[in-house]
Amino acid sequence: MNHNRKCFIFSLIIFLFIGIGQPIFASGNTGKLKSQKGEASWYGSRYHGRKTSSGERYNKNAMTAAHKTLPFGTKVKVTNLDNNESVIVRINDRGPFVGDRIIDVSEAAARELEFHSKGIGHVKIEVLETEADLASAAGFSFDVASFADYDFASEVKPELASNN
C-alpha cells in the first residue's frame, strides 16, 4: 500500500472518530408548535416519586405534564374541549407513547380538567412560554455542571467560579 493511500485511510479514520465523538444536543422545538388538539391521558400514584425524563421526581399533585417534543420547562395551557376547563402545566417528562395521545398530564391536572374518572379527555394545548423565552427575556442564561468525580469537581471549582 503506498504512502498516500495509508495517509488517506488514517485521516479518514481520525475524521470518523472525531466526528462520532462529538456530543449531539437535542435542539428545543421552540417556536414550532403553538397549539395542538387531540387526546390527553394522565398518570398518577404508580409513578409518584419516580424520576421523569427531565430528572426531576414526578409529583402527582403538581401541575406538570409529559409531551413528546416540547422542551422541558415549557408552560402549556391545556383546555378540556368537552367542558372548557383549563389548567396551566409545565412540561417535565416525555410521552405519551400510547396511540395518538398528545399529552399526559399529572393526576392533579386531570382532576382539574375533570377527565380523571374517564382516563382520557379531548383537549387543546397551547404553548405559553418556554424556558428559552424566559432566559432571552431576562437577558441572561446559565449553565450547570454535573460531576461524577468529587475530586475532579473540587479541582475545577475555582476555575469555573472565576469564569463569570
N, C-alpha and C. Protein backbone atom coordinates (compact mmCIF):
# COMPACT_ATOMS: atom_id res chain seq x y z
N MET A 1 0.85 -1.17 0.00
CA MET A 1 0.00 0.00 0.00
C MET A 1 0.90 1.24 0.00
N ASN A 2 0.64 2.17 -0.90
CA ASN A 2 1.53 3.33 -0.98
C ASN A 2 1.27 4.31 0.17
N HIS A 3 2.18 5.21 0.32
CA HIS A 3 2.15 6.16 1.44
C HIS A 3 0.91 7.07 1.40
N ASN A 4 0.54 7.58 0.24
CA ASN A 4 -0.62 8.47 0.12
C ASN A 4 -1.92 7.77 0.52
N ARG A 5 -2.05 6.53 0.12
CA ARG A 5 -3.25 5.78 0.46
C ARG A 5 -3.32 5.53 1.97
N LYS A 6 -2.19 5.20 2.59
CA LYS A 6 -2.14 5.00 4.04
C LYS A 6 -2.53 6.28 4.76
N CYS A 7 -1.99 7.41 4.30
CA CYS A 7 -2.32 8.71 4.91
C CYS A 7 -3.81 9.01 4.78
N PHE A 8 -4.37 8.72 3.60
CA PHE A 8 -5.79 8.97 3.38
C PHE A 8 -6.65 8.13 4.32
N ILE A 9 -6.34 6.84 4.41
CA ILE A 9 -7.11 5.95 5.28
C ILE A 9 -6.97 6.37 6.74
N PHE A 10 -5.76 6.69 7.16
CA PHE A 10 -5.53 7.14 8.53
C PHE A 10 -6.32 8.42 8.81
N SER A 11 -6.29 9.37 7.88
CA SER A 11 -7.03 10.63 8.04
C SER A 11 -8.53 10.38 8.11
N LEU A 12 -9.02 9.48 7.30
CA LEU A 12 -10.44 9.14 7.29
C LEU A 12 -10.85 8.54 8.64
N ILE A 13 -10.04 7.64 9.15
CA ILE A 13 -10.34 7.02 10.45
C ILE A 13 -10.35 8.08 11.55
N ILE A 14 -9.36 8.94 11.57
CA ILE A 14 -9.31 10.02 12.58
C ILE A 14 -10.53 10.91 12.44
N PHE A 15 -10.88 11.30 11.23
CA PHE A 15 -12.04 12.15 10.98
C PHE A 15 -13.31 11.49 11.52
N LEU A 16 -13.48 10.20 11.26
CA LEU A 16 -14.66 9.49 11.73
C LEU A 16 -14.72 9.46 13.25
N PHE A 17 -13.58 9.19 13.90
CA PHE A 17 -13.57 9.18 15.36
C PHE A 17 -13.88 10.54 15.94
N ILE A 18 -13.34 11.58 15.36
CA ILE A 18 -13.61 12.93 15.86
C ILE A 18 -15.08 13.27 15.65
N GLY A 19 -15.59 12.96 14.48
CA GLY A 19 -16.99 13.25 14.18
C GLY A 19 -17.95 12.47 15.05
N ILE A 20 -17.65 11.21 15.29
CA ILE A 20 -18.51 10.36 16.10
C ILE A 20 -18.41 10.74 17.57
N GLY A 21 -17.25 11.20 17.99
CA GLY A 21 -17.04 11.51 19.40
C GLY A 21 -17.65 12.81 19.86
N GLN A 22 -18.12 13.65 18.95
CA GLN A 22 -18.68 14.93 19.35
C GLN A 22 -20.07 14.74 19.94
N PRO A 23 -20.38 15.43 21.03
CA PRO A 23 -21.72 15.31 21.60
C PRO A 23 -22.75 15.95 20.68
N ILE A 24 -23.92 15.38 20.67
CA ILE A 24 -25.03 15.92 19.90
C ILE A 24 -26.11 16.31 20.89
N PHE A 25 -26.55 17.54 20.81
CA PHE A 25 -27.54 18.05 21.73
C PHE A 25 -28.87 18.20 21.02
N ALA A 26 -29.92 17.77 21.67
CA ALA A 26 -31.25 17.94 21.08
C ALA A 26 -31.60 19.40 21.11
N SER A 27 -32.04 19.90 19.99
CA SER A 27 -32.45 21.30 19.96
C SER A 27 -33.90 21.38 20.37
N GLY A 28 -34.23 22.44 21.07
CA GLY A 28 -35.60 22.63 21.52
C GLY A 28 -36.52 22.87 20.34
N ASN A 29 -37.78 22.57 20.54
CA ASN A 29 -38.78 22.74 19.49
C ASN A 29 -39.48 24.08 19.69
N THR A 30 -38.73 25.08 20.12
CA THR A 30 -39.32 26.37 20.43
C THR A 30 -39.79 27.05 19.17
N GLY A 31 -40.94 27.67 19.28
CA GLY A 31 -41.46 28.44 18.17
C GLY A 31 -42.15 27.61 17.10
N LYS A 32 -42.05 26.32 17.13
CA LYS A 32 -42.64 25.48 16.10
C LYS A 32 -44.11 25.18 16.42
N LEU A 33 -44.35 24.58 17.57
CA LEU A 33 -45.69 24.17 17.96
C LEU A 33 -46.33 25.27 18.80
N LYS A 34 -47.43 25.81 18.33
CA LYS A 34 -48.15 26.83 19.09
C LYS A 34 -49.39 26.24 19.76
N SER A 35 -50.11 25.39 19.04
CA SER A 35 -51.28 24.73 19.63
C SER A 35 -51.50 23.39 18.95
N GLN A 36 -52.25 22.54 19.63
CA GLN A 36 -52.46 21.17 19.15
C GLN A 36 -53.75 20.66 19.78
N LYS A 37 -54.52 19.89 19.04
CA LYS A 37 -55.74 19.27 19.58
C LYS A 37 -55.60 17.76 19.48
N GLY A 38 -56.13 17.07 20.49
CA GLY A 38 -56.07 15.62 20.48
C GLY A 38 -56.47 15.05 21.83
N GLU A 39 -56.11 13.78 22.03
CA GLU A 39 -56.44 13.11 23.28
C GLU A 39 -55.34 13.30 24.32
N ALA A 40 -55.79 13.49 25.55
CA ALA A 40 -54.87 13.57 26.69
C ALA A 40 -55.18 12.42 27.64
N SER A 41 -54.16 11.97 28.32
CA SER A 41 -54.33 10.97 29.37
C SER A 41 -53.61 11.50 30.60
N TRP A 42 -53.67 10.74 31.68
CA TRP A 42 -52.99 11.19 32.90
C TRP A 42 -52.29 10.01 33.56
N TYR A 43 -51.32 10.34 34.40
CA TYR A 43 -50.65 9.30 35.18
C TYR A 43 -50.50 9.78 36.61
N GLY A 44 -50.59 8.82 37.56
CA GLY A 44 -50.68 9.20 38.96
C GLY A 44 -49.83 8.40 39.91
N SER A 45 -50.48 7.74 40.86
CA SER A 45 -49.82 7.10 42.00
C SER A 45 -48.73 6.11 41.62
N ARG A 46 -48.94 5.38 40.55
CA ARG A 46 -47.96 4.36 40.14
C ARG A 46 -46.59 4.99 39.85
N TYR A 47 -46.58 6.23 39.38
CA TYR A 47 -45.33 6.90 39.00
C TYR A 47 -44.88 7.94 40.02
N HIS A 48 -45.69 8.17 41.05
CA HIS A 48 -45.39 9.20 42.05
C HIS A 48 -44.03 8.93 42.70
N GLY A 49 -43.15 9.92 42.65
CA GLY A 49 -41.82 9.80 43.25
C GLY A 49 -40.76 9.27 42.31
N ARG A 50 -41.15 8.73 41.16
CA ARG A 50 -40.16 8.24 40.19
C ARG A 50 -39.57 9.41 39.42
N LYS A 51 -38.36 9.20 38.92
CA LYS A 51 -37.72 10.24 38.13
C LYS A 51 -38.38 10.35 36.76
N THR A 52 -38.58 11.59 36.33
CA THR A 52 -39.10 11.85 34.99
C THR A 52 -37.93 11.94 34.02
N SER A 53 -38.23 12.11 32.75
CA SER A 53 -37.17 12.24 31.74
C SER A 53 -36.30 13.46 31.97
N SER A 54 -36.85 14.48 32.62
CA SER A 54 -36.06 15.69 32.90
C SER A 54 -35.15 15.50 34.11
N GLY A 55 -35.35 14.41 34.85
CA GLY A 55 -34.53 14.15 36.03
C GLY A 55 -35.21 14.53 37.33
N GLU A 56 -36.27 15.30 37.25
CA GLU A 56 -36.97 15.66 38.48
C GLU A 56 -37.95 14.55 38.86
N ARG A 57 -38.31 14.50 40.11
CA ARG A 57 -39.23 13.46 40.60
C ARG A 57 -40.66 13.82 40.22
N TYR A 58 -41.42 12.83 39.76
CA TYR A 58 -42.81 13.06 39.40
C TYR A 58 -43.62 13.25 40.67
N ASN A 59 -44.47 14.27 40.66
CA ASN A 59 -45.36 14.55 41.78
C ASN A 59 -46.78 14.59 41.22
N LYS A 60 -47.58 13.61 41.60
CA LYS A 60 -48.94 13.52 41.05
C LYS A 60 -49.80 14.71 41.43
N ASN A 61 -49.39 15.48 42.45
CA ASN A 61 -50.15 16.64 42.91
C ASN A 61 -49.69 17.95 42.30
N ALA A 62 -48.66 17.91 41.47
CA ALA A 62 -48.14 19.12 40.82
C ALA A 62 -48.80 19.29 39.46
N MET A 63 -48.77 20.51 38.96
CA MET A 63 -49.33 20.81 37.63
C MET A 63 -48.23 20.63 36.58
N THR A 64 -47.98 19.37 36.24
CA THR A 64 -46.94 19.03 35.27
C THR A 64 -47.51 18.11 34.20
N ALA A 65 -46.71 17.89 33.15
CA ALA A 65 -47.18 17.05 32.05
C ALA A 65 -46.01 16.49 31.27
N ALA A 66 -46.32 15.48 30.47
CA ALA A 66 -45.35 14.88 29.55
C ALA A 66 -45.78 15.19 28.13
N HIS A 67 -44.80 15.57 27.30
CA HIS A 67 -45.05 15.82 25.88
C HIS A 67 -43.89 15.23 25.10
N LYS A 68 -44.14 14.79 23.88
CA LYS A 68 -43.10 14.11 23.10
C LYS A 68 -41.98 15.03 22.66
N THR A 69 -42.28 16.30 22.33
CA THR A 69 -41.26 17.15 21.73
C THR A 69 -41.02 18.50 22.40
N LEU A 70 -41.95 19.01 23.15
CA LEU A 70 -41.76 20.34 23.74
C LEU A 70 -40.61 20.32 24.74
N PRO A 71 -39.81 21.38 24.77
CA PRO A 71 -38.69 21.43 25.71
C PRO A 71 -39.16 21.39 27.17
N PHE A 72 -38.34 20.78 28.02
CA PHE A 72 -38.65 20.77 29.45
C PHE A 72 -38.74 22.21 29.94
N GLY A 73 -39.70 22.44 30.84
CA GLY A 73 -39.88 23.79 31.38
C GLY A 73 -40.92 24.60 30.62
N THR A 74 -41.36 24.11 29.46
CA THR A 74 -42.36 24.84 28.68
C THR A 74 -43.68 24.87 29.45
N LYS A 75 -44.29 26.05 29.51
CA LYS A 75 -45.61 26.20 30.14
C LYS A 75 -46.66 26.06 29.05
N VAL A 76 -47.66 25.22 29.32
CA VAL A 76 -48.69 24.89 28.35
C VAL A 76 -50.06 25.05 28.99
N LYS A 77 -50.97 25.69 28.28
CA LYS A 77 -52.36 25.75 28.73
C LYS A 77 -53.08 24.56 28.11
N VAL A 78 -53.70 23.75 28.95
CA VAL A 78 -54.45 22.57 28.49
C VAL A 78 -55.93 22.84 28.76
N THR A 79 -56.74 22.76 27.71
CA THR A 79 -58.18 23.01 27.84
C THR A 79 -58.95 21.75 27.46
N ASN A 80 -59.83 21.31 28.35
CA ASN A 80 -60.72 20.19 28.08
C ASN A 80 -61.81 20.71 27.15
N LEU A 81 -61.86 20.22 25.92
CA LEU A 81 -62.80 20.72 24.93
C LEU A 81 -64.24 20.29 25.20
N ASP A 82 -64.45 19.33 26.10
CA ASP A 82 -65.81 18.89 26.44
C ASP A 82 -66.48 19.80 27.46
N ASN A 83 -65.68 20.46 28.33
CA ASN A 83 -66.29 21.29 29.38
C ASN A 83 -65.64 22.67 29.51
N ASN A 84 -64.64 22.94 28.69
CA ASN A 84 -63.94 24.23 28.66
C ASN A 84 -63.12 24.53 29.92
N GLU A 85 -62.88 23.51 30.77
CA GLU A 85 -62.00 23.69 31.93
C GLU A 85 -60.56 23.73 31.42
N SER A 86 -59.73 24.56 32.05
CA SER A 86 -58.33 24.63 31.61
C SER A 86 -57.38 24.77 32.79
N VAL A 87 -56.15 24.32 32.58
CA VAL A 87 -55.08 24.43 33.57
C VAL A 87 -53.80 24.80 32.83
N ILE A 88 -52.85 25.31 33.59
CA ILE A 88 -51.52 25.56 33.04
C ILE A 88 -50.57 24.56 33.68
N VAL A 89 -49.86 23.82 32.83
CA VAL A 89 -48.92 22.80 33.29
C VAL A 89 -47.53 23.11 32.76
N ARG A 90 -46.54 22.53 33.42
CA ARG A 90 -45.15 22.67 32.99
C ARG A 90 -44.67 21.31 32.48
N ILE A 91 -44.05 21.30 31.31
CA ILE A 91 -43.56 20.05 30.72
C ILE A 91 -42.28 19.62 31.46
N ASN A 92 -42.32 18.41 32.05
CA ASN A 92 -41.14 17.90 32.76
C ASN A 92 -40.87 16.43 32.45
N ASP A 93 -41.58 15.89 31.45
CA ASP A 93 -41.41 14.47 31.13
C ASP A 93 -41.67 14.25 29.65
N ARG A 94 -41.34 13.07 29.16
CA ARG A 94 -41.58 12.69 27.77
C ARG A 94 -42.73 11.69 27.71
N GLY A 95 -43.51 11.77 26.67
CA GLY A 95 -44.65 10.90 26.47
C GLY A 95 -45.78 11.74 25.90
N PRO A 96 -46.95 11.22 25.78
CA PRO A 96 -47.32 9.82 25.99
C PRO A 96 -46.92 8.96 24.79
N PHE A 97 -46.80 7.70 25.03
CA PHE A 97 -46.40 6.78 23.97
C PHE A 97 -47.48 5.73 23.73
N VAL A 98 -48.73 6.15 23.85
CA VAL A 98 -49.87 5.27 23.64
C VAL A 98 -50.76 5.91 22.57
N GLY A 99 -50.97 5.21 21.49
CA GLY A 99 -51.87 5.70 20.44
C GLY A 99 -51.50 7.08 19.93
N ASP A 100 -52.52 7.88 19.69
CA ASP A 100 -52.33 9.23 19.16
C ASP A 100 -52.43 10.30 20.24
N ARG A 101 -52.26 9.94 21.47
CA ARG A 101 -52.37 10.92 22.55
C ARG A 101 -51.28 11.97 22.41
N ILE A 102 -51.64 13.23 22.75
CA ILE A 102 -50.69 14.32 22.56
C ILE A 102 -50.04 14.79 23.85
N ILE A 103 -50.64 14.47 24.99
CA ILE A 103 -50.08 14.93 26.27
C ILE A 103 -50.55 14.00 27.38
N ASP A 104 -49.68 13.79 28.36
CA ASP A 104 -50.00 13.09 29.61
C ASP A 104 -49.92 14.13 30.71
N VAL A 105 -51.00 14.36 31.41
CA VAL A 105 -50.98 15.35 32.50
C VAL A 105 -50.91 14.63 33.84
N SER A 106 -50.53 15.37 34.86
CA SER A 106 -50.48 14.80 36.21
C SER A 106 -51.90 14.49 36.69
N GLU A 107 -51.98 13.71 37.75
CA GLU A 107 -53.29 13.37 38.31
C GLU A 107 -54.03 14.63 38.75
N ALA A 108 -53.32 15.57 39.37
CA ALA A 108 -53.96 16.82 39.82
C ALA A 108 -54.53 17.60 38.64
N ALA A 109 -53.79 17.66 37.54
CA ALA A 109 -54.28 18.38 36.36
C ALA A 109 -55.50 17.68 35.77
N ALA A 110 -55.49 16.34 35.74
CA ALA A 110 -56.63 15.59 35.22
C ALA A 110 -57.89 15.84 36.05
N ARG A 111 -57.71 15.94 37.37
CA ARG A 111 -58.86 16.24 38.24
C ARG A 111 -59.42 17.63 37.93
N GLU A 112 -58.52 18.61 37.79
CA GLU A 112 -58.96 19.99 37.49
C GLU A 112 -59.66 20.05 36.13
N LEU A 113 -59.16 19.27 35.18
CA LEU A 113 -59.76 19.25 33.83
C LEU A 113 -61.02 18.38 33.78
N GLU A 114 -61.28 17.66 34.85
CA GLU A 114 -62.46 16.82 35.02
C GLU A 114 -62.54 15.65 34.04
N PHE A 115 -61.37 15.06 33.72
CA PHE A 115 -61.41 13.80 32.97
C PHE A 115 -60.68 12.69 33.73
N HIS A 116 -60.43 12.91 35.02
CA HIS A 116 -59.75 11.93 35.86
C HIS A 116 -60.48 10.59 35.85
N SER A 117 -61.79 10.60 36.02
CA SER A 117 -62.54 9.34 36.11
C SER A 117 -62.64 8.63 34.75
N LYS A 118 -62.64 9.38 33.65
CA LYS A 118 -62.71 8.78 32.31
C LYS A 118 -61.36 8.23 31.86
N GLY A 119 -60.29 8.82 32.35
CA GLY A 119 -58.95 8.37 31.96
C GLY A 119 -58.35 9.15 30.81
N ILE A 120 -59.19 9.55 29.87
CA ILE A 120 -58.70 10.36 28.75
C ILE A 120 -59.68 11.50 28.50
N GLY A 121 -59.18 12.54 27.87
CA GLY A 121 -60.04 13.67 27.54
C GLY A 121 -59.62 14.27 26.21
N HIS A 122 -60.57 14.92 25.56
CA HIS A 122 -60.29 15.61 24.29
C HIS A 122 -59.86 17.03 24.64
N VAL A 123 -58.62 17.38 24.30
CA VAL A 123 -58.06 18.65 24.76
C VAL A 123 -57.43 19.46 23.63
N LYS A 124 -57.22 20.72 23.95
CA LYS A 124 -56.40 21.60 23.12
C LYS A 124 -55.26 22.06 24.01
N ILE A 125 -54.03 22.00 23.49
CA ILE A 125 -52.90 22.54 24.24
C ILE A 125 -52.37 23.76 23.50
N GLU A 126 -51.99 24.76 24.28
CA GLU A 126 -51.43 26.00 23.73
C GLU A 126 -50.13 26.31 24.45
N VAL A 127 -49.06 26.48 23.70
CA VAL A 127 -47.76 26.82 24.29
C VAL A 127 -47.81 28.27 24.75
N LEU A 128 -47.51 28.49 26.03
CA LEU A 128 -47.50 29.84 26.59
C LEU A 128 -46.09 30.43 26.59
N GLU A 129 -45.14 29.66 27.13
CA GLU A 129 -43.75 30.12 27.16
C GLU A 129 -42.81 28.95 27.37
N THR A 130 -41.60 29.11 26.88
CA THR A 130 -40.57 28.10 27.09
C THR A 130 -39.49 28.70 27.98
N GLU A 131 -38.62 27.85 28.53
CA GLU A 131 -37.52 28.36 29.34
C GLU A 131 -36.61 29.24 28.50
N ALA A 132 -36.46 28.94 27.20
CA ALA A 132 -35.64 29.77 26.32
C ALA A 132 -36.25 31.17 26.20
N ASP A 133 -37.58 31.25 26.13
CA ASP A 133 -38.25 32.55 26.08
C ASP A 133 -37.95 33.34 27.34
N LEU A 134 -38.02 32.67 28.49
CA LEU A 134 -37.77 33.34 29.77
C LEU A 134 -36.33 33.82 29.87
N ALA A 135 -35.39 32.99 29.44
CA ALA A 135 -33.97 33.37 29.52
C ALA A 135 -33.67 34.55 28.61
N SER A 136 -34.21 34.56 27.40
CA SER A 136 -33.93 35.68 26.50
C SER A 136 -34.61 36.94 26.98
N ALA A 137 -35.78 36.82 27.60
CA ALA A 137 -36.46 38.00 28.12
C ALA A 137 -35.69 38.60 29.29
N ALA A 138 -35.05 37.75 30.07
CA ALA A 138 -34.27 38.23 31.21
C ALA A 138 -32.92 38.75 30.77
N GLY A 139 -32.48 38.39 29.58
CA GLY A 139 -31.20 38.87 29.07
C GLY A 139 -30.01 38.04 29.50
N PHE A 140 -30.24 36.91 30.11
CA PHE A 140 -29.13 36.06 30.53
C PHE A 140 -29.58 34.61 30.60
N SER A 141 -28.61 33.73 30.68
CA SER A 141 -28.87 32.33 30.92
C SER A 141 -27.69 31.78 31.71
N PHE A 142 -27.81 30.57 32.23
CA PHE A 142 -26.71 29.98 32.98
C PHE A 142 -26.60 28.51 32.66
N ASP A 143 -25.40 27.99 32.86
CA ASP A 143 -25.13 26.58 32.66
C ASP A 143 -24.84 25.94 34.01
N VAL A 144 -25.21 24.70 34.15
CA VAL A 144 -24.96 23.96 35.38
C VAL A 144 -24.09 22.77 35.04
N ALA A 145 -23.08 22.53 35.86
CA ALA A 145 -22.18 21.40 35.63
C ALA A 145 -22.55 20.26 36.56
N SER A 146 -22.28 19.05 36.11
CA SER A 146 -22.52 17.86 36.91
C SER A 146 -21.28 16.98 36.83
N PHE A 147 -20.79 16.55 37.98
CA PHE A 147 -19.56 15.76 38.01
C PHE A 147 -19.79 14.47 38.78
N ALA A 148 -19.28 13.38 38.26
CA ALA A 148 -19.35 12.09 38.95
C ALA A 148 -18.18 11.93 39.90
N ASP A 149 -17.08 12.64 39.63
CA ASP A 149 -15.86 12.53 40.42
C ASP A 149 -15.71 13.77 41.31
N TYR A 150 -15.88 13.60 42.62
CA TYR A 150 -15.84 14.71 43.56
C TYR A 150 -14.47 15.41 43.55
N ASP A 151 -13.40 14.64 43.48
CA ASP A 151 -12.06 15.24 43.48
C ASP A 151 -11.86 16.14 42.27
N PHE A 152 -12.30 15.67 41.10
CA PHE A 152 -12.18 16.48 39.90
C PHE A 152 -13.03 17.74 40.01
N ALA A 153 -14.23 17.61 40.54
CA ALA A 153 -15.12 18.77 40.70
C ALA A 153 -14.48 19.80 41.62
N SER A 154 -13.87 19.34 42.70
CA SER A 154 -13.20 20.25 43.63
C SER A 154 -12.02 20.94 42.96
N GLU A 155 -11.34 20.20 42.10
CA GLU A 155 -10.17 20.73 41.40
C GLU A 155 -10.55 21.85 40.42
N VAL A 156 -11.65 21.69 39.70
CA VAL A 156 -12.03 22.69 38.69
C VAL A 156 -12.94 23.78 39.23
N LYS A 157 -13.40 23.65 40.47
CA LYS A 157 -14.32 24.63 41.05
C LYS A 157 -13.77 26.06 40.99
N PRO A 158 -12.52 26.32 41.41
CA PRO A 158 -12.03 27.71 41.34
C PRO A 158 -12.00 28.27 39.92
N GLU A 159 -11.64 27.42 38.97
CA GLU A 159 -11.59 27.87 37.57
C GLU A 159 -12.98 28.22 37.07
N LEU A 160 -13.96 27.38 37.39
CA LEU A 160 -15.32 27.65 36.95
C LEU A 160 -15.89 28.89 37.64
N ALA A 161 -15.55 29.07 38.90
CA ALA A 161 -16.05 30.23 39.64
C ALA A 161 -15.49 31.54 39.09
N SER A 162 -14.29 31.51 38.54
CA SER A 162 -13.67 32.73 38.03
C SER A 162 -14.14 33.10 36.63
N ASN A 163 -14.88 32.22 35.96
CA ASN A 163 -15.35 32.48 34.60
C ASN A 163 -16.72 33.14 34.61
N ASN A 164 -16.88 34.21 35.32
CA ASN A 164 -18.17 34.90 35.40
C ASN A 164 -18.51 35.40 34.07
